[in-house]
C-alpha cells in the first residue's frame, strides 16, 4: 500500500469452487494474515484476494491470485551429505518437514554399505524430527546412508533424498583443553587458575573421542574445572555445566596420580586415580 493514510486490509480465501471467506484483517504494514490449510489435501486449488478500506471509507479489491496446497516435503538436515561421522559418537539425524502438520510423523532409516534399509526409529515431535544412531560397531571407512520417510494420514508417503556419510576417526572440535584450578601450581604451572598453561593441558584421543591427561598431584584439597581454547570464555564445571561450579579433588596423604578426562559431547569432566 502506498501513501500515509490509514488502511485496513481484509484477506479472503476461496477453496476450490466454494465461497469467498474472510481469513483475517490487518491494519499495519506489511499487511498479512496466515491461512491454516492443514485440513486441505495437497493439490487443492486456492484463491486469495485482499479488500482494502481507507480512512475515508473507500474500498478497493485486489485481483485474485491462484495457488495450490503444496505437497509435503521432508528434508534431512543432518548429518551433512558427503561428510563423515565419528564411530565413537552417537550420530544425530534430523529432518524438517514443509508444510508442518500436527498429525505427521517421520520414520528414519539407514543403509550400511549399500545394504537394505533398516528403521532407526520414528519421531512425531515437530518442527525438528530427530533420532540418534549408534555406528560404534562399524569399521572406519564404512559408507552409511540415511533417509527420512514422512507419514501423513490421508496422503501418500514422502521420502527424502538419501544422505551419504562415511565412518571416520573423531576429530577435535577445540584447539586446546586445559585442567584449570588450584592444583596447577602443583603440577608444573607457574600459577593456579591459568586457562592457558600448557603443562596442564589434555590431549585428544582419536580412539575414544575424549580428552585425557595424567598428572601426579600432592596431598590436599583442590578445586578445578575445564577451560577451553586457553580462556575461561568457555569452561565446564560439575556435571558438565557451562560456567558451572568447580569440581573438587581430595588427594590422600602421599599424593596420587590422576587421569583427567573431558567428554566433548556431554561436556562432563572427570578425574580418576591411575592404578599403580
Protein backbone atom coordinates (compact mmCIF):
# COMPACT_ATOMS: atom_id res chain seq x y z
CA UNK A 1 0.00 0.00 0.00
CA UNK A 2 1.24 3.47 -0.88
CA UNK A 3 0.57 6.70 0.96
CA UNK A 4 0.34 7.72 4.61
CA UNK A 5 -3.40 7.15 5.13
CA UNK A 6 -4.77 4.55 7.48
CA UNK A 7 -5.56 1.31 5.71
CA UNK A 8 -7.34 -1.84 6.83
CA UNK A 9 -6.81 -4.91 4.67
CA UNK A 10 -9.11 -7.89 4.86
CA UNK A 11 -7.88 -11.07 3.23
CA UNK A 12 -10.26 -13.58 1.69
CA UNK A 13 -9.75 -17.15 0.52
CA UNK A 14 -11.70 -19.43 -1.78
CA UNK A 15 -11.23 -23.19 -1.65
CA UNK A 16 -11.96 -24.93 -4.94
CA UNK A 17 -15.38 -23.77 -6.18
CA UNK A 18 -16.50 -22.73 -2.71
CA UNK A 19 -17.46 -19.28 -1.49
CA UNK A 20 -15.08 -16.45 -0.66
CA UNK A 21 -14.45 -16.36 3.09
CA UNK A 22 -12.58 -13.88 5.24
CA UNK A 23 -9.43 -15.32 6.82
CA UNK A 24 -8.31 -12.24 8.74
CA UNK A 25 -7.73 -8.48 8.79
CA UNK A 26 -4.56 -6.46 9.32
CA UNK A 27 -4.21 -2.68 9.81
CA UNK A 28 -0.43 -2.34 9.88
CA UNK A 29 2.12 -2.73 7.12
CA UNK A 30 3.30 -5.14 5.93
CA UNK A 31 -0.29 -6.36 5.69
CA UNK A 32 -0.61 -10.09 6.10
CA UNK A 33 -2.55 -12.90 7.72
CA UNK A 34 -1.99 -16.63 7.96
CA UNK A 35 -4.29 -19.24 6.48
CA UNK A 36 -4.48 -22.65 8.11
CA UNK A 37 -4.62 -25.22 5.31
CA UNK A 38 -3.76 -28.27 7.39
CA UNK A 39 -7.17 -29.85 6.71
CA UNK A 40 -6.87 -29.46 2.94
CA UNK A 41 -5.38 -32.17 0.80
CA UNK A 42 -2.23 -31.46 -1.25
CA UNK A 43 -3.01 -30.12 -4.73
CA UNK A 44 -6.30 -28.46 -3.71
CA UNK A 45 -6.85 -25.19 -5.58
CA UNK A 46 -6.96 -21.98 -3.55
CA UNK A 47 -7.62 -18.37 -4.49
CA UNK A 48 -6.75 -15.32 -2.43
CA UNK A 49 -7.71 -11.67 -2.66
CA UNK A 50 -7.48 -8.56 -0.49
CA UNK A 51 -10.09 -5.92 0.22
CA UNK A 52 -8.69 -2.52 1.24
CA UNK A 53 -10.55 0.03 3.36
CA UNK A 54 -9.01 3.50 3.84
CA UNK A 55 -9.79 6.14 6.45
CA UNK A 56 -12.19 7.89 4.08
CA UNK A 57 -14.35 4.78 3.82
CA UNK A 58 -13.27 3.88 0.30
CA UNK A 59 -12.78 0.24 -0.58
CA UNK A 60 -10.88 -1.47 -3.35
CA UNK A 61 -10.42 -5.13 -4.16
CA UNK A 62 -7.27 -6.74 -5.49
CA UNK A 63 -7.08 -9.25 -8.31
CA UNK A 64 -7.30 -12.83 -7.13
CA UNK A 65 -4.19 -14.99 -7.07
CA UNK A 66 -4.35 -18.74 -7.57
CA UNK A 67 -2.20 -21.29 -5.73
CA UNK A 68 -2.40 -24.92 -4.73
CA UNK A 69 -1.98 -26.55 -1.35
CA UNK A 70 1.64 -27.73 -1.55
CA UNK A 71 2.61 -31.35 -1.28
CA UNK A 72 4.60 -32.02 1.90
CA UNK A 73 8.35 -32.31 1.64
CA UNK A 74 10.79 -33.87 4.10
CA UNK A 75 14.47 -32.91 4.08
CA UNK A 76 17.33 -34.35 6.10
CA UNK A 77 19.27 -31.53 7.74
CA UNK A 78 21.96 -33.59 9.49
CA UNK A 79 24.37 -35.24 9.14
CA UNK A 80 25.82 -33.26 6.25
CA UNK A 81 25.80 -35.07 2.91
CA UNK A 82 29.26 -36.17 1.83
CA UNK A 83 30.69 -35.68 5.30
CA UNK A 84 31.94 -38.07 7.93
CA UNK A 85 30.65 -39.32 11.26
CA UNK A 86 32.81 -40.43 14.17
CA UNK A 87 32.31 -44.02 15.16
CA UNK A 88 32.73 -43.22 18.85
CA UNK A 89 29.94 -40.61 18.99
CA UNK A 90 26.18 -41.06 18.55
CA UNK A 91 25.07 -39.71 15.17
CA UNK A 92 22.23 -37.19 15.37
CA UNK A 93 19.94 -37.49 12.34
CA UNK A 94 17.45 -34.64 11.92
CA UNK A 95 14.75 -33.75 9.39
CA UNK A 96 12.46 -30.81 8.65
CA UNK A 97 9.01 -31.04 7.08
CA UNK A 98 7.26 -28.38 4.99
CA UNK A 99 4.43 -27.68 5.43
CA UNK A 100 4.06 -28.87 9.02
CA UNK A 101 1.01 -30.65 10.31
CA UNK A 102 0.32 -31.95 13.80
CA UNK A 103 -0.55 -35.42 12.50
CA UNK A 104 2.78 -36.00 10.77
CA UNK A 105 5.45 -38.46 11.77
CA UNK A 106 8.90 -39.16 10.35
CA UNK A 107 10.47 -42.60 10.15
CA UNK A 108 14.27 -42.60 9.95
CA UNK A 109 16.24 -45.41 8.38
CA UNK A 110 19.79 -46.24 7.35
CA UNK A 111 21.61 -48.41 4.86
CA UNK A 112 25.13 -49.70 5.51
CA UNK A 113 27.48 -50.32 2.58
CA UNK A 114 24.61 -50.37 0.10
CA UNK A 115 22.58 -52.89 2.09
CA UNK A 116 18.90 -52.96 2.97
CA UNK A 117 17.21 -50.01 4.63
CA UNK A 118 16.82 -50.60 8.39
CA UNK A 119 14.48 -48.48 10.51
CA UNK A 120 16.18 -46.47 13.25
CA UNK A 121 13.07 -45.01 14.84
CA UNK A 122 10.01 -42.78 14.45
CA UNK A 123 9.64 -39.22 15.74
CA UNK A 124 6.48 -37.10 15.97
CA UNK A 125 8.00 -34.03 17.66
CA UNK A 126 7.81 -31.28 15.04
CA UNK A 127 9.21 -28.93 13.92
CA UNK A 128 12.57 -30.76 14.14
CA UNK A 129 12.34 -34.52 13.88
CA UNK A 130 15.31 -36.33 15.42
CA UNK A 131 16.75 -39.76 16.01
CA UNK A 132 20.21 -40.93 17.10
CA UNK A 133 22.19 -43.74 15.54
CA UNK A 134 24.96 -45.86 17.04
CA UNK A 135 27.73 -46.50 14.49
CA UNK A 136 30.32 -47.69 17.00
CA UNK A 137 30.22 -51.21 15.56
CA UNK A 138 31.06 -50.11 12.03
CA UNK A 139 34.59 -50.15 10.67
CA UNK A 140 36.36 -46.97 9.63
CA UNK A 141 35.60 -46.14 6.02
CA UNK A 142 32.16 -47.75 6.05
CA UNK A 143 29.61 -45.87 3.93
CA UNK A 144 26.28 -45.15 5.63
CA UNK A 145 23.18 -43.67 4.00
CA UNK A 146 20.34 -42.04 5.90
CA UNK A 147 16.81 -41.35 4.74
CA UNK A 148 13.59 -39.95 6.20
CA UNK A 149 10.06 -41.08 5.33
CA UNK A 150 7.19 -38.70 6.07
CA UNK A 151 3.86 -40.15 7.00
CA UNK A 152 0.70 -38.05 6.96
CA UNK A 153 -2.80 -39.53 7.33
CA UNK A 154 -4.69 -39.39 4.05
CA UNK A 155 -1.60 -38.67 1.97
CA UNK A 156 1.00 -40.84 0.21
CA UNK A 157 4.31 -41.35 1.96
CA UNK A 158 7.03 -38.88 1.07
CA UNK A 159 10.69 -39.95 1.09
CA UNK A 160 13.64 -37.60 1.43
CA UNK A 161 16.77 -37.70 -0.66
CA UNK A 162 19.35 -40.01 0.89
CA UNK A 163 22.36 -38.54 2.69
CA UNK A 164 25.63 -40.46 2.43
CA UNK A 165 28.39 -40.23 5.03
CA UNK A 166 31.50 -42.24 5.89
CA UNK A 167 32.54 -43.54 9.31
CA UNK A 168 35.85 -41.90 10.28
CA UNK A 169 38.07 -41.25 13.27
CA UNK A 170 36.84 -38.46 15.52
CA UNK A 171 38.43 -35.06 15.12
CA UNK A 172 38.85 -32.50 17.90
CA UNK A 173 36.45 -29.58 17.79
CA UNK A 174 38.58 -27.47 20.17
CA UNK A 175 42.17 -26.29 19.83
CA UNK A 176 43.09 -26.71 23.50
CA UNK A 177 41.52 -28.19 26.63
CA UNK A 178 43.11 -27.35 30.00
CA UNK A 179 42.66 -28.51 33.57
CA UNK A 180 42.48 -25.18 35.41
CA UNK A 181 42.32 -24.86 39.18
CA UNK A 182 44.11 -24.61 42.49
CA UNK A 183 46.21 -27.68 41.68
CA UNK A 184 48.01 -26.19 38.67
CA UNK A 185 50.98 -24.82 40.59
CA UNK A 186 51.45 -28.34 41.96
CA UNK A 187 51.67 -29.98 38.52
CA UNK A 188 54.09 -27.65 36.76
CA UNK A 189 52.22 -24.41 36.02
CA UNK A 190 53.53 -21.02 37.12
CA UNK A 191 50.19 -20.07 38.67
CA UNK A 192 46.82 -21.52 39.61
CA UNK A 193 43.65 -20.92 37.63
CA UNK A 194 45.57 -20.32 34.43
CA UNK A 195 43.44 -21.45 31.44
CA UNK A 196 46.42 -21.17 29.07
CA UNK A 197 49.02 -23.21 30.98
CA UNK A 198 50.46 -25.84 28.59
CA UNK A 199 51.59 -28.07 31.47
CA UNK A 200 48.02 -28.93 32.47
CA UNK A 201 46.56 -29.42 29.02
CA UNK A 202 44.76 -32.59 27.98
CA UNK A 203 45.37 -34.46 24.73
CA UNK A 204 42.68 -35.56 22.28
CA UNK A 205 42.37 -39.33 21.88
CA UNK A 206 41.12 -40.47 18.47
CA UNK A 207 40.45 -43.91 19.95
CA UNK A 208 37.56 -42.78 22.14
CA UNK A 209 36.99 -39.16 21.10
CA UNK A 210 37.77 -37.88 24.60
CA UNK A 211 40.42 -35.54 26.02
CA UNK A 212 42.79 -37.12 28.58
CA UNK A 213 45.79 -36.24 30.70
CA UNK A 214 47.59 -37.82 33.65
CA UNK A 215 49.07 -35.70 36.44
CA UNK A 216 50.69 -36.54 39.78
CA UNK A 217 49.04 -34.41 42.44
CA UNK A 218 50.34 -33.99 46.03
CA UNK A 219 48.06 -34.48 49.04
CA UNK A 220 45.50 -31.76 49.59
CA UNK A 221 42.07 -30.49 48.67
CA UNK A 222 41.70 -28.77 45.31
CA UNK A 223 39.12 -27.09 43.11
CA UNK A 224 39.22 -27.36 39.33
CA UNK A 225 37.31 -27.22 36.06
CA UNK A 226 37.90 -27.43 32.32
CA UNK A 227 38.94 -24.35 30.34
CA UNK A 228 38.71 -24.39 26.55
CA UNK A 229 40.98 -22.71 23.99
CA UNK A 230 43.21 -21.05 26.61
CA UNK A 231 40.39 -18.97 28.09
CA UNK A 232 37.58 -19.13 30.62
CA UNK A 233 35.17 -17.78 28.00
CA UNK A 234 34.20 -21.41 27.50
CA UNK A 235 34.55 -23.53 30.61
CA UNK A 236 32.83 -26.53 32.17
CA UNK A 237 32.36 -27.47 35.80
CA UNK A 238 30.46 -30.02 37.83
CA UNK A 239 28.10 -32.16 35.76
CA UNK A 240 29.42 -30.65 32.54
CA UNK A 241 27.55 -27.39 33.10
CA UNK A 242 28.85 -24.47 31.05
CA UNK A 243 30.35 -21.99 33.53
CA UNK A 244 29.35 -24.43 36.26
CA UNK A 245 30.65 -24.75 39.80
CA UNK A 246 34.16 -26.03 40.47
CA UNK A 247 34.81 -29.71 40.86
CA UNK A 248 36.65 -30.83 43.98
CA UNK A 249 39.55 -33.25 44.27
CA UNK A 250 40.62 -34.62 47.65
CA UNK A 251 44.07 -36.22 47.28
CA UNK A 252 45.11 -38.58 50.10
CA UNK A 253 48.38 -38.46 52.03
CA UNK A 254 51.37 -39.33 49.89
CA UNK A 255 49.76 -37.92 46.74
CA UNK A 256 48.18 -39.70 43.81
CA UNK A 257 48.35 -39.81 40.02
CA UNK A 258 45.03 -38.98 38.36
CA UNK A 259 43.70 -39.37 34.85
CA UNK A 260 41.70 -36.26 33.98
CA UNK A 261 39.13 -36.63 31.20
CA UNK A 262 36.81 -34.28 29.33
CA UNK A 263 33.97 -35.54 27.14
CA UNK A 264 33.27 -33.03 24.33
CA UNK A 265 29.78 -34.45 23.77
CA UNK A 266 28.40 -34.49 27.34
CA UNK A 267 30.86 -31.70 28.34
CA UNK A 268 31.44 -33.54 31.64
CA UNK A 269 34.93 -33.50 33.25
CA UNK A 270 36.17 -36.32 35.48
CA UNK A 271 39.27 -37.38 37.40
CA UNK A 272 40.07 -40.96 38.38
CA UNK A 273 43.10 -42.38 40.22
CA UNK A 274 45.50 -44.25 37.98
CA UNK A 275 46.04 -47.84 39.07
CA UNK A 276 49.63 -48.48 40.25
